[in-house]
């Protein structure tokens, strides 16, 4: 082979710097992804669990209050409306 047949490319310093800077950026990006995943697992998932527990607790409290009110309303006199009407008419008679 002669020197004329060789197709050698000279690598410029700028190309080496660009390649090395891209590989450095890729390494940095991988590190950022690892930190993001660990931060997500460390902070978001426990916060989600606590929020879910609070929501379930509030639902339970509201459900128990409404069931207690239903039992209270059912245990009262079912003829309450009629009794209230009689009381209103009695008060009207007394005031006249």
PDB file of N, CA and C in Angstrom:
ATOM      1  N   UNK A   1       0.838  -1.181   0.000  1.00  0.00           N
ATOM      2  CA  UNK A   1       0.000   0.000   0.000  1.00  0.00           C
ATOM      3  C   UNK A   1       0.879   1.239   0.000  1.00  0.00           C
ATOM      4  N   UNK A   2       0.445   2.154  -0.707  1.00  0.00           N
ATOM      5  CA  UNK A   2       1.181   3.413  -0.752  1.00  0.00           C
ATOM      6  C   UNK A   2       0.451   4.444   0.080  1.00  0.00           C
ATOM      7  N   UNK A   3       1.094   5.522   0.295  1.00  0.00           N
ATOM      8  CA  UNK A   3       0.493   6.593   1.100  1.00  0.00           C
ATOM      9  C   UNK A   3      -0.702   7.215   0.402  1.00  0.00           C
ATOM     10  N   UNK A   4      -0.740   7.172  -0.891  1.00  0.00           N
ATOM     11  CA  UNK A   4      -1.848   7.757  -1.636  1.00  0.00           C
ATOM     12  C   UNK A   4      -3.101   6.903  -1.511  1.00  0.00           C
ATOM     13  N   UNK A   5      -2.939   5.576  -1.359  1.00  0.00           N
ATOM     14  CA  UNK A   5      -4.090   4.683  -1.260  1.00  0.00           C
ATOM     15  C   UNK A   5      -4.698   4.666   0.143  1.00  0.00           C
ATOM     16  N   UNK A   6      -3.939   5.058   1.116  1.00  0.00           N
ATOM     17  CA  UNK A   6      -4.462   5.065   2.489  1.00  0.00           C
ATOM     18  C   UNK A   6      -5.428   6.225   2.656  1.00  0.00           C
ATOM     19  N   UNK A   7      -6.560   5.914   3.205  1.00  0.00           N
ATOM     20  CA  UNK A   7      -7.510   6.988   3.493  1.00  0.00           C
ATOM     21  C   UNK A   7      -7.557   7.174   4.998  1.00  0.00           C
ATOM     22  N   UNK A   8      -6.614   7.833   5.501  1.00  0.00           N
ATOM     23  CA  UNK A   8      -6.552   8.079   6.936  1.00  0.00           C
ATOM     24  C   UNK A   8      -7.208   9.408   7.231  1.00  0.00           C
ATOM     25  N   UNK A   9      -7.955   9.383   8.284  1.00  0.00           N
ATOM     26  CA  UNK A   9      -8.584  10.625   8.725  1.00  0.00           C
ATOM     27  C   UNK A   9      -7.847  11.105   9.956  1.00  0.00           C
ATOM     28  N   UNK A  10      -7.591  12.332   9.963  1.00  0.00           N
ATOM     29  CA  UNK A  10      -6.969  12.923  11.133  1.00  0.00           C
ATOM     30  C   UNK A  10      -8.082  13.343  12.083  1.00  0.00           C
ATOM     31  N   UNK A  11      -7.980  12.928  13.309  1.00  0.00           N
ATOM     32  CA  UNK A  11      -8.978  13.269  14.311  1.00  0.00           C
ATOM     33  C   UNK A  11      -8.609  14.618  14.895  1.00  0.00           C
ATOM     34  N   UNK A  12      -9.536  15.501  14.784  1.00  0.00           N
ATOM     35  CA  UNK A  12      -9.315  16.850  15.294  1.00  0.00           C
ATOM     36  C   UNK A  12      -9.568  16.873  16.798  1.00  0.00           C
ATOM     37  N   UNK A  13      -8.927  17.814  17.458  1.00  0.00           N
ATOM     38  CA  UNK A  13      -9.111  17.959  18.900  1.00  0.00           C
ATOM     39  C   UNK A  13     -10.549  18.322  19.244  1.00  0.00           C
ATOM     40  N   UNK A  14     -11.203  19.088  18.408  1.00  0.00           N
ATOM     41  CA  UNK A  14     -12.582  19.493  18.665  1.00  0.00           C
ATOM     42  C   UNK A  14     -13.520  18.294  18.677  1.00  0.00           C
ATOM     43  N   UNK A  15     -13.289  17.325  17.779  1.00  0.00           N
ATOM     44  CA  UNK A  15     -14.131  16.128  17.733  1.00  0.00           C
ATOM     45  C   UNK A  15     -13.964  15.299  18.993  1.00  0.00           C
ATOM     46  N   UNK A  16     -12.740  15.204  19.467  1.00  0.00           N
ATOM     47  CA  UNK A  16     -12.487  14.454  20.697  1.00  0.00           C
ATOM     48  C   UNK A  16     -13.178  15.131  21.864  1.00  0.00           C
ATOM     49  N   UNK A  17     -13.117  16.447  21.907  1.00  0.00           N
ATOM     50  CA  UNK A  17     -13.757  17.172  23.000  1.00  0.00           C
ATOM     51  C   UNK A  17     -15.268  17.009  22.952  1.00  0.00           C
ATOM     52  N   UNK A  18     -15.861  17.043  21.764  1.00  0.00           N
ATOM     53  CA  UNK A  18     -17.309  16.883  21.642  1.00  0.00           C
ATOM     54  C   UNK A  18     -17.719  15.486  22.077  1.00  0.00           C
ATOM     55  N   UNK A  19     -16.976  14.476  21.639  1.00  0.00           N
ATOM     56  CA  UNK A  19     -17.298  13.099  22.003  1.00  0.00           C
ATOM     57  C   UNK A  19     -17.170  12.892  23.505  1.00  0.00           C
ATOM     58  N   UNK A  20     -16.104  13.421  24.086  1.00  0.00           N
ATOM     59  CA  UNK A  20     -15.923  13.241  25.524  1.00  0.00           C
ATOM     60  C   UNK A  20     -16.973  14.022  26.308  1.00  0.00           C
ATOM     61  N   UNK A  21     -17.342  15.189  25.830  1.00  0.00           N
ATOM     62  CA  UNK A  21     -18.353  15.960  26.556  1.00  0.00           C
ATOM     63  C   UNK A  21     -19.717  15.284  26.456  1.00  0.00           C
ATOM     64  N   UNK A  22     -20.024  14.655  25.316  1.00  0.00           N
ATOM     65  CA  UNK A  22     -21.295  13.935  25.192  1.00  0.00           C
ATOM     66  C   UNK A  22     -21.314  12.733  26.119  1.00  0.00           C
ATOM     67  N   UNK A  23     -20.199  12.008  26.191  1.00  0.00           N
ATOM     68  CA  UNK A  23     -20.170  10.852  27.090  1.00  0.00           C
ATOM     69  C   UNK A  23     -20.260  11.305  28.544  1.00  0.00           C
ATOM     70  N   UNK A  24     -19.648  12.439  28.863  1.00  0.00           N
ATOM     71  CA  UNK A  24     -19.772  12.974  30.222  1.00  0.00           C
ATOM     72  C   UNK A  24     -21.216  13.355  30.524  1.00  0.00           C
ATOM     73  N   UNK A  25     -21.890  13.941  29.552  1.00  0.00           N
ATOM     74  CA  UNK A  25     -23.298  14.298  29.745  1.00  0.00           C
ATOM     75  C   UNK A  25     -24.165  13.059  29.924  1.00  0.00           C
ATOM     76  N   UNK A  26     -23.862  12.004  29.167  1.00  0.00           N
ATOM     77  CA  UNK A  26     -24.627  10.765  29.316  1.00  0.00           C
ATOM     78  C   UNK A  26     -24.432  10.168  30.702  1.00  0.00           C
ATOM     79  N   UNK A  27     -23.192  10.191  31.191  1.00  0.00           N
ATOM     80  CA  UNK A  27     -22.922   9.677  32.538  1.00  0.00           C
ATOM     81  C   UNK A  27     -23.649  10.515  33.588  1.00  0.00           C
ATOM     82  N   UNK A  28     -23.623  11.830  33.403  1.00  0.00           N
ATOM     83  CA  UNK A  28     -24.302  12.701  34.350  1.00  0.00           C
ATOM     84  C   UNK A  28     -25.811  12.456  34.320  1.00  0.00           C
ATOM     85  N   UNK A  29     -26.362  12.242  33.133  1.00  0.00           N
ATOM     86  CA  UNK A  29     -27.788  11.972  33.004  1.00  0.00           C
ATOM     87  C   UNK A  29     -28.169  10.666  33.689  1.00  0.00           C
ATOM     88  N   UNK A  30     -27.328   9.652  33.565  1.00  0.00           N
ATOM     89  CA  UNK A  30     -27.593   8.387  34.252  1.00  0.00           C
ATOM     90  C   UNK A  30     -27.601   8.587  35.763  1.00  0.00           C
ATOM     91  N   UNK A  31     -26.665   9.392  36.261  1.00  0.00           N
ATOM     92  CA  UNK A  31     -26.634   9.682  37.692  1.00  0.00           C
ATOM     93  C   UNK A  31     -27.865  10.437  38.148  1.00  0.00           C
ATOM     94  N   UNK A  32     -28.317  11.381  37.336  1.00  0.00           N
ATOM     95  CA  UNK A  32     -29.521  12.146  37.668  1.00  0.00           C
ATOM     96  C   UNK A  32     -30.740  11.229  37.683  1.00  0.00           C
ATOM     97  N   UNK A  33     -30.825  10.307  36.731  1.00  0.00           N
ATOM     98  CA  UNK A  33     -31.951   9.364  36.705  1.00  0.00           C
ATOM     99  C   UNK A  33     -31.965   8.490  37.950  1.00  0.00           C
ATOM    100  N   UNK A  34     -30.790   8.032  38.376  1.00  0.00           N
ATOM    101  CA  UNK A  34     -30.727   7.210  39.592  1.00  0.00           C
ATOM    102  C   UNK A  34     -31.201   8.009  40.797  1.00  0.00           C
ATOM    103  N   UNK A  35     -30.723   9.253  40.915  1.00  0.00           N
ATOM    104  CA  UNK A  35     -31.129  10.083  42.045  1.00  0.00           C
ATOM    105  C   UNK A  35     -32.609  10.404  41.992  1.00  0.00           C
ATOM    106  N   UNK A  36     -33.137  10.625  40.812  1.00  0.00           N
ATOM    107  CA  UNK A  36     -34.559  10.926  40.678  1.00  0.00           C
ATOM    108  C   UNK A  36     -35.396   9.732  41.106  1.00  0.00           C
ATOM    109  N   UNK A  37     -35.012   8.546  40.692  1.00  0.00           N
ATOM    110  CA  UNK A  37     -35.761   7.352  41.075  1.00  0.00           C
ATOM    111  C   UNK A  37     -35.712   7.136  42.577  1.00  0.00           C
ATOM    112  N   UNK A  38     -34.544   7.323  43.182  1.00  0.00           N
ATOM    113  CA  UNK A  38     -34.464   7.114  44.623  1.00  0.00           C
ATOM    114  C   UNK A  38     -35.235   8.201  45.361  1.00  0.00           C
ATOM    115  N   UNK A  39     -35.206   9.438  44.875  1.00  0.00           N
ATOM    116  CA  UNK A  39     -35.990  10.491  45.519  1.00  0.00           C
ATOM    117  C   UNK A  39     -37.476  10.213  45.377  1.00  0.00           C
ATOM    118  N   UNK A  40     -37.882   9.729  44.207  1.00  0.00           N
ATOM    119  CA  UNK A  40     -39.279   9.382  43.992  1.00  0.00           C
ATOM    120  C   UNK A  40     -39.703   8.292  44.964  1.00  0.00           C
ATOM    121  N   UNK A  41     -38.893   7.272  45.082  1.00  0.00           N
ATOM    122  CA  UNK A  41     -39.232   6.172  45.984  1.00  0.00           C
ATOM    123  C   UNK A  41     -39.162   6.614  47.435  1.00  0.00           C
ATOM    124  N   UNK A  42     -38.265   7.521  47.738  1.00  0.00           N
ATOM    125  CA  UNK A  42     -38.065   7.916  49.124  1.00  0.00           C
ATOM    126  C   UNK A  42     -39.119   8.895  49.622  1.00  0.00           C
ATOM    127  N   UNK A  43     -39.615   9.775  48.765  1.00  0.00           N
ATOM    128  CA  UNK A  43     -40.522  10.821  49.215  1.00  0.00           C
ATOM    129  C   UNK A  43     -41.950  10.659  48.712  1.00  0.00           C
ATOM    130  N   UNK A  44     -42.115  10.375  47.443  1.00  0.00           N
ATOM    131  CA  UNK A  44     -43.457  10.378  46.870  1.00  0.00           C
ATOM    132  C   UNK A  44     -44.275   9.176  47.316  1.00  0.00           C
ATOM    133  N   UNK A  45     -43.706   8.004  47.299  1.00  0.00           N
ATOM    134  CA  UNK A  45     -44.477   6.810  47.648  1.00  0.00           C
ATOM    135  C   UNK A  45     -44.940   6.820  49.111  1.00  0.00           C
ATOM    136  N   UNK A  46     -44.091   7.181  50.086  1.00  0.00           N
ATOM    137  CA  UNK A  46     -44.616   7.293  51.453  1.00  0.00           C
ATOM    138  C   UNK A  46     -45.671   8.384  51.599  1.00  0.00           C
ATOM    139  N   UNK A  47     -45.496   9.492  50.889  1.00  0.00           N
ATOM    140  CA  UNK A  47     -46.506  10.554  50.944  1.00  0.00           C
ATOM    141  C   UNK A  47     -47.823  10.068  50.364  1.00  0.00           C
ATOM    142  N   UNK A  48     -47.754   9.290  49.305  1.00  0.00           N
ATOM    143  CA  UNK A  48     -48.960   8.719  48.711  1.00  0.00           C
ATOM    144  C   UNK A  48     -49.632   7.755  49.681  1.00  0.00           C
ATOM    145  N   UNK A  49     -48.848   6.967  50.391  1.00  0.00           N
ATOM    146  CA  UNK A  49     -49.412   6.032  51.362  1.00  0.00           C
ATOM    147  C   UNK A  49     -50.090   6.779  52.510  1.00  0.00           C
ATOM    148  N   UNK A  50     -49.463   7.834  53.012  1.00  0.00           N
ATOM    149  CA  UNK A  50     -50.052   8.620  54.102  1.00  0.00           C
ATOM    150  C   UNK A  50     -51.333   9.298  53.631  1.00  0.00           C
ATOM    151  N   UNK A  51     -51.315   9.870  52.439  1.00  0.00           N
ATOM    152  CA  UNK A  51     -52.509  10.514  51.894  1.00  0.00           C
ATOM    153  C   UNK A  51     -53.640   9.503  51.734  1.00  0.00           C
ATOM    154  N   UNK A  52     -53.319   8.316  51.256  1.00  0.00           N
ATOM    155  CA  UNK A  52     -54.345   7.277  51.101  1.00  0.00           C
ATOM    156  C   UNK A  52     -54.923   6.876  52.453  1.00  0.00           C
ATOM    157  N   UNK A  53     -54.065   6.748  53.455  1.00  0.00           N
ATOM    158  CA  UNK A  53     -54.546   6.395  54.790  1.00  0.00           C
ATOM    159  C   UNK A  53     -55.463   7.486  55.342  1.00  0.00           C
ATOM    160  N   UNK A  54     -55.117   8.743  55.121  1.00  0.00           N
ATOM    161  CA  UNK A  54     -55.961   9.844  55.591  1.00  0.00           C
ATOM    162  C   UNK A  54     -57.309   9.824  54.887  1.00  0.00           C
ATOM    163  N   UNK A  55     -57.310   9.598  53.582  1.00  0.00           N
ATOM    164  CA  UNK A  55     -58.568   9.563  52.828  1.00  0.00           C
ATOM    165  C   UNK A  55     -59.442   8.409  53.301  1.00  0.00           C
ATOM    166  N   UNK A  56     -58.855   7.246  53.513  1.00  0.00           N
ATOM    167  CA  UNK A  56     -59.632   6.095  53.994  1.00  0.00           C
ATOM    168  C   UNK A  56     -60.183   6.376  55.385  1.00  0.00           C
ATOM    169  N   UNK A  57     -59.377   6.997  56.246  1.00  0.00           N
ATOM    170  CA  UNK A  57     -59.843   7.341  57.586  1.00  0.00           C
ATOM    171  C   UNK A  57     -60.988   8.333  57.563  1.00  0.00           C
ATOM    172  N   UNK A  58     -60.884   9.350  56.725  1.00  0.00           N
ATOM    173  CA  UNK A  58     -61.971  10.331  56.628  1.00  0.00           C
ATOM    174  C   UNK A  58     -63.247   9.692  56.088  1.00  0.00           C
ATOM    175  N   UNK A  59     -63.109   8.806  55.112  1.00  0.00           N
ATOM    176  CA  UNK A  59     -64.283   8.113  54.588  1.00  0.00           C
ATOM    177  C   UNK A  59     -64.944   7.289  55.687  1.00  0.00           C
ATOM    178  N   UNK A  60     -64.145   6.602  56.489  1.00  0.00           N
ATOM    179  CA  UNK A  60     -64.688   5.786  57.576  1.00  0.00           C
ATOM    180  C   UNK A  60     -65.413   6.657  58.595  1.00  0.00           C
ATOM    181  N   UNK A  61     -64.832   7.793  58.939  1.00  0.00           N
ATOM    182  CA  UNK A  61     -65.463   8.692  59.911  1.00  0.00           C
ATOM    183  C   UNK A  61     -66.786   9.226  59.371  1.00  0.00           C
ATOM    184  N   UNK A  62     -66.793   9.684  58.128  1.00  0.00           N
ATOM    185  CA  UNK A  62     -68.030  10.223  57.546  1.00  0.00           C
ATOM    186  C   UNK A  62     -69.089   9.139  57.434  1.00  0.00           C
ATOM    187  N   UNK A  63     -68.688   7.932  57.058  1.00  0.00           N
ATOM    188  CA  UNK A  63     -69.646   6.832  56.944  1.00  0.00           C
ATOM    189  C   UNK A  63     -70.245   6.490  58.308  1.00  0.00           C
ATOM    190  N   UNK A  64     -69.415   6.461  59.350  1.00  0.00           N
ATOM    191  CA  UNK A  64     -69.942   6.129  60.678  1.00  0.00           C
ATOM    192  C   UNK A  64     -70.865   7.231  61.197  1.00  0.00           C
ATOM    193  N   UNK A  65     -70.539   8.492  60.909  1.00  0.00           N
ATOM    194  CA  UNK A  65     -71.411   9.589  61.343  1.00  0.00           C
ATOM    195  C   UNK A  65     -72.763   9.505  60.648  1.00  0.00           C
ATOM    196  N   UNK A  66     -72.765   9.249  59.349  1.00  0.00           N
ATOM    197  CA  UNK A  66     -74.046   9.169  58.639  1.00  0.00           C
ATOM    198  C   UNK A  66     -74.857   7.964  59.083  1.00  0.00           C
ATOM    199  N   UNK A  67     -74.198   6.858  59.377  1.00  0.00           N
ATOM    200  CA  UNK A  67     -74.966   5.698  59.856  1.00  0.00           C
ATOM    201  C   UNK A  67     -75.513   5.962  61.257  1.00  0.00           C
ATOM    202  N   UNK A  68     -74.754   6.682  62.098  1.00  0.00           N
ATOM    203  CA  UNK A  68     -75.262   7.045  63.421  1.00  0.00           C
ATOM    204  C   UNK A  68     -76.463   7.978  63.310  1.00  0.00           C
ATOM    205  N   UNK A  69     -76.403   8.925  62.397  1.00  0.00           N
ATOM    206  CA  UNK A  69     -77.530   9.838  62.209  1.00  0.00           C
ATOM    207  C   UNK A  69     -78.757   9.095  61.693  1.00  0.00           C
ATOM    208  N   UNK A  70     -78.536   8.123  60.840  1.00  0.00           N
ATOM    209  CA  UNK A  70     -79.661   7.334  60.333  1.00  0.00           C
ATOM    210  C   UNK A  70     -80.321   6.561  61.468  1.00  0.00           C
ATOM    211  N   UNK A  71     -79.499   5.944  62.319  1.00  0.00           N
ATOM    212  CA  UNK A  71     -80.067   5.216  63.466  1.00  0.00           C
ATOM    213  C   UNK A  71     -80.782   6.158  64.421  1.00  0.00           C
ATOM    214  N   UNK A  72     -80.230   7.349  64.631  1.00  0.00           N
ATOM    215  CA  UNK A  72     -80.863   8.326  65.514  1.00  0.00           C
ATOM    216  C   UNK A  72     -82.207   8.773  64.954  1.00  0.00           C
ATOM    217  N   UNK A  73     -82.242   9.034  63.656  1.00  0.00           N
ATOM    218  CA  UNK A  73     -83.500   9.462  63.036  1.00  0.00           C
ATOM    219  C   UNK A  73     -84.538   8.349  63.075  1.00  0.00           C
ATOM    220  N   UNK A  74     -84.119   7.108  62.895  1.00  0.00           N
ATOM    221  CA  UNK A  74     -85.065   5.989  62.937  1.00  0.00           C
ATOM    222  C   UNK A  74     -85.562   5.701  64.346  1.00  0.00           C
ATOM    223  N   UNK A  75     -84.749   5.992  65.352  1.00  0.00           N
ATOM    224  CA  UNK A  75     -85.165   5.710  66.724  1.00  0.00           C
ATOM    225  C   UNK A  75     -86.097   6.780  67.284  1.00  0.00           C
ATOM    226  N   UNK A  76     -86.130   7.950  66.655  1.00  0.00           N
ATOM    227  CA  UNK A  76     -87.054   8.992  67.105  1.00  0.00           C
ATOM    228  C   UNK A  76     -88.480   8.615  66.737  1.00  0.00           C
ATOM    229  N   UNK A  77     -89.385   9.373  67.283  1.00  0.00           N
ATOM    230  CA  UNK A  77     -90.810   9.141  67.041  1.00  0.00           C
ATOM    231  C   UNK A  77     -91.121   9.332  65.558  1.00  0.00           C
ATOM    232  N   UNK A  78     -91.666   8.311  64.882  1.00  0.00           N
ATOM    233  CA  UNK A  78     -91.975   8.465  63.464  1.00  0.00           C
ATOM    234  C   UNK A  78     -93.115   9.450  63.215  1.00  0.00           C
ATOM    235  N   UNK A  79     -93.947   9.736  64.216  1.00  0.00           N
ATOM    236  CA  UNK A  79     -95.049  10.691  64.062  1.00  0.00           C
ATOM    237  C   UNK A  79     -94.637  12.084  64.519  1.00  0.00           C
ATOM    238  N   UNK A  80     -93.351  12.389  64.377  1.00  0.00           N
ATOM    239  CA  UNK A  80     -92.852  13.675  64.851  1.00  0.00           C
ATOM    240  C   UNK A  80     -93.545  14.828  64.127  1.00  0.00           C
ATOM    241  N   UNK A  81     -93.798  14.688  62.840  1.00  0.00           N
ATOM    242  CA  UNK A  81     -94.453  15.755  62.083  1.00  0.00           C
ATOM    243  C   UNK A  81     -95.840  16.055  62.614  1.00  0.00           C
ATOM    244  N   UNK A  82     -96.619  15.017  62.896  1.00  0.00           N
ATOM    245  CA  UNK A  82     -97.962  15.209  63.447  1.00  0.00           C
ATOM    246  C   UNK A  82     -97.920  15.842  64.818  1.00  0.00           C
ATOM    247  N   UNK A  83     -96.987  15.413  65.641  1.00  0.00           N
ATOM    248  CA  UNK A  83     -96.855  15.983  66.983  1.00  0.00           C
ATOM    249  C   UNK A  83     -96.451  17.456  66.924  1.00  0.00           C
ATOM    250  N   UNK A  84     -95.565  17.791  65.979  1.00  0.00           N
ATOM    251  CA  UNK A  84     -95.155  19.191  65.839  1.00  0.00           C
ATOM    252  C   UNK A  84     -96.328  20.056  65.385  1.00  0.00           C
ATOM    253  N   UNK A  85     -97.170  19.528  64.496  1.00  0.00           N
ATOM    254  CA  UNK A  85     -98.345  20.272  64.035  1.00  0.00           C
ATOM    255  C   UNK A  85     -99.310  20.518  65.186  1.00  0.00           C
ATOM    256  N   UNK A  86     -99.505  19.509  66.026  1.00  0.00           N
ATOM    257  CA  UNK A  86    -100.388  19.661  67.183  1.00  0.00           C
ATOM    258  C   UNK A  86     -99.823  20.687  68.157  1.00  0.00           C
ATOM    259  N   UNK A  87     -98.522  20.680  68.347  1.00  0.00           N
ATOM    260  CA  UNK A  87     -97.902  21.628  69.262  1.00  0.00           C
ATOM    261  C   UNK A  87     -98.031  23.056  68.721  1.00  0.00           C
ATOM    262  N   UNK A  88     -97.855  23.242  67.423  1.00  0.00           N
ATOM    263  CA  UNK A  88     -97.986  24.574  66.823  1.00  0.00           C
ATOM    264  C   UNK A  88     -99.407  25.088  66.991  1.00  0.00           C
ATOM    265  N   UNK A  89    -100.382  24.216  66.765  1.00  0.00           N
ATOM    266  CA  UNK A  89    -101.781  24.660  66.922  1.00  0.00           C
ATOM    267  C   UNK A  89    -102.084  24.986  68.384  1.00  0.00           C
ATOM    268  N   UNK A  90    -101.517  24.242  69.318  1.00  0.00           N
ATOM    269  CA  UNK A  90    -101.725  24.537  70.740  1.00  0.00           C
ATOM    270  C   UNK A  90    -101.106  25.878  71.111  1.00  0.00           C
ATOM    271  N   UNK A  91     -99.914  26.164  70.603  1.00  0.00           N
ATOM    272  CA  UNK A  91     -99.256  27.435  70.900  1.00  0.00           C
ATOM    273  C   UNK A  91    -100.045  28.582  70.288  1.00  0.00           C
ATOM    274  N   UNK A  92    -100.612  28.381  69.118  1.00  0.00           N
ATOM    275  CA  UNK A  92    -101.428  29.422  68.488  1.00  0.00           C
ATOM    276  C   UNK A  92    -102.678  29.707  69.312  1.00  0.00           C
ATOM    277  N   UNK A  93    -103.287  28.653  69.861  1.00  0.00           N
ATOM    278  CA  UNK A  93    -104.484  28.839  70.694  1.00  0.00           C
ATOM    279  C   UNK A  93    -104.141  29.609  71.959  1.00  0.00           C
ATOM    280  N   UNK A  94    -102.990  29.291  72.551  1.00  0.00           N
ATOM    281  CA  UNK A  94    -102.598  29.962  73.788  1.00  0.00           C
ATOM    282  C   UNK A  94    -102.286  31.429  73.518  1.00  0.00           C
ATOM    283  N   UNK A  95    -101.646  31.715  72.413  1.00  0.00           N
ATOM    284  CA  UNK A  95    -101.259  33.100  72.129  1.00  0.00           C
ATOM    285  C   UNK A  95    -102.447  33.962  71.736  1.00  0.00           C
ATOM    286  N   UNK A  96    -103.541  33.374  71.249  1.00  0.00           N
ATOM    287  CA  UNK A  96    -104.720  34.165  70.874  1.00  0.00           C
ATOM    288  C   UNK A  96    -105.553  34.379  72.059  1.00  0.00           C
TER     289      UNK A  96
END
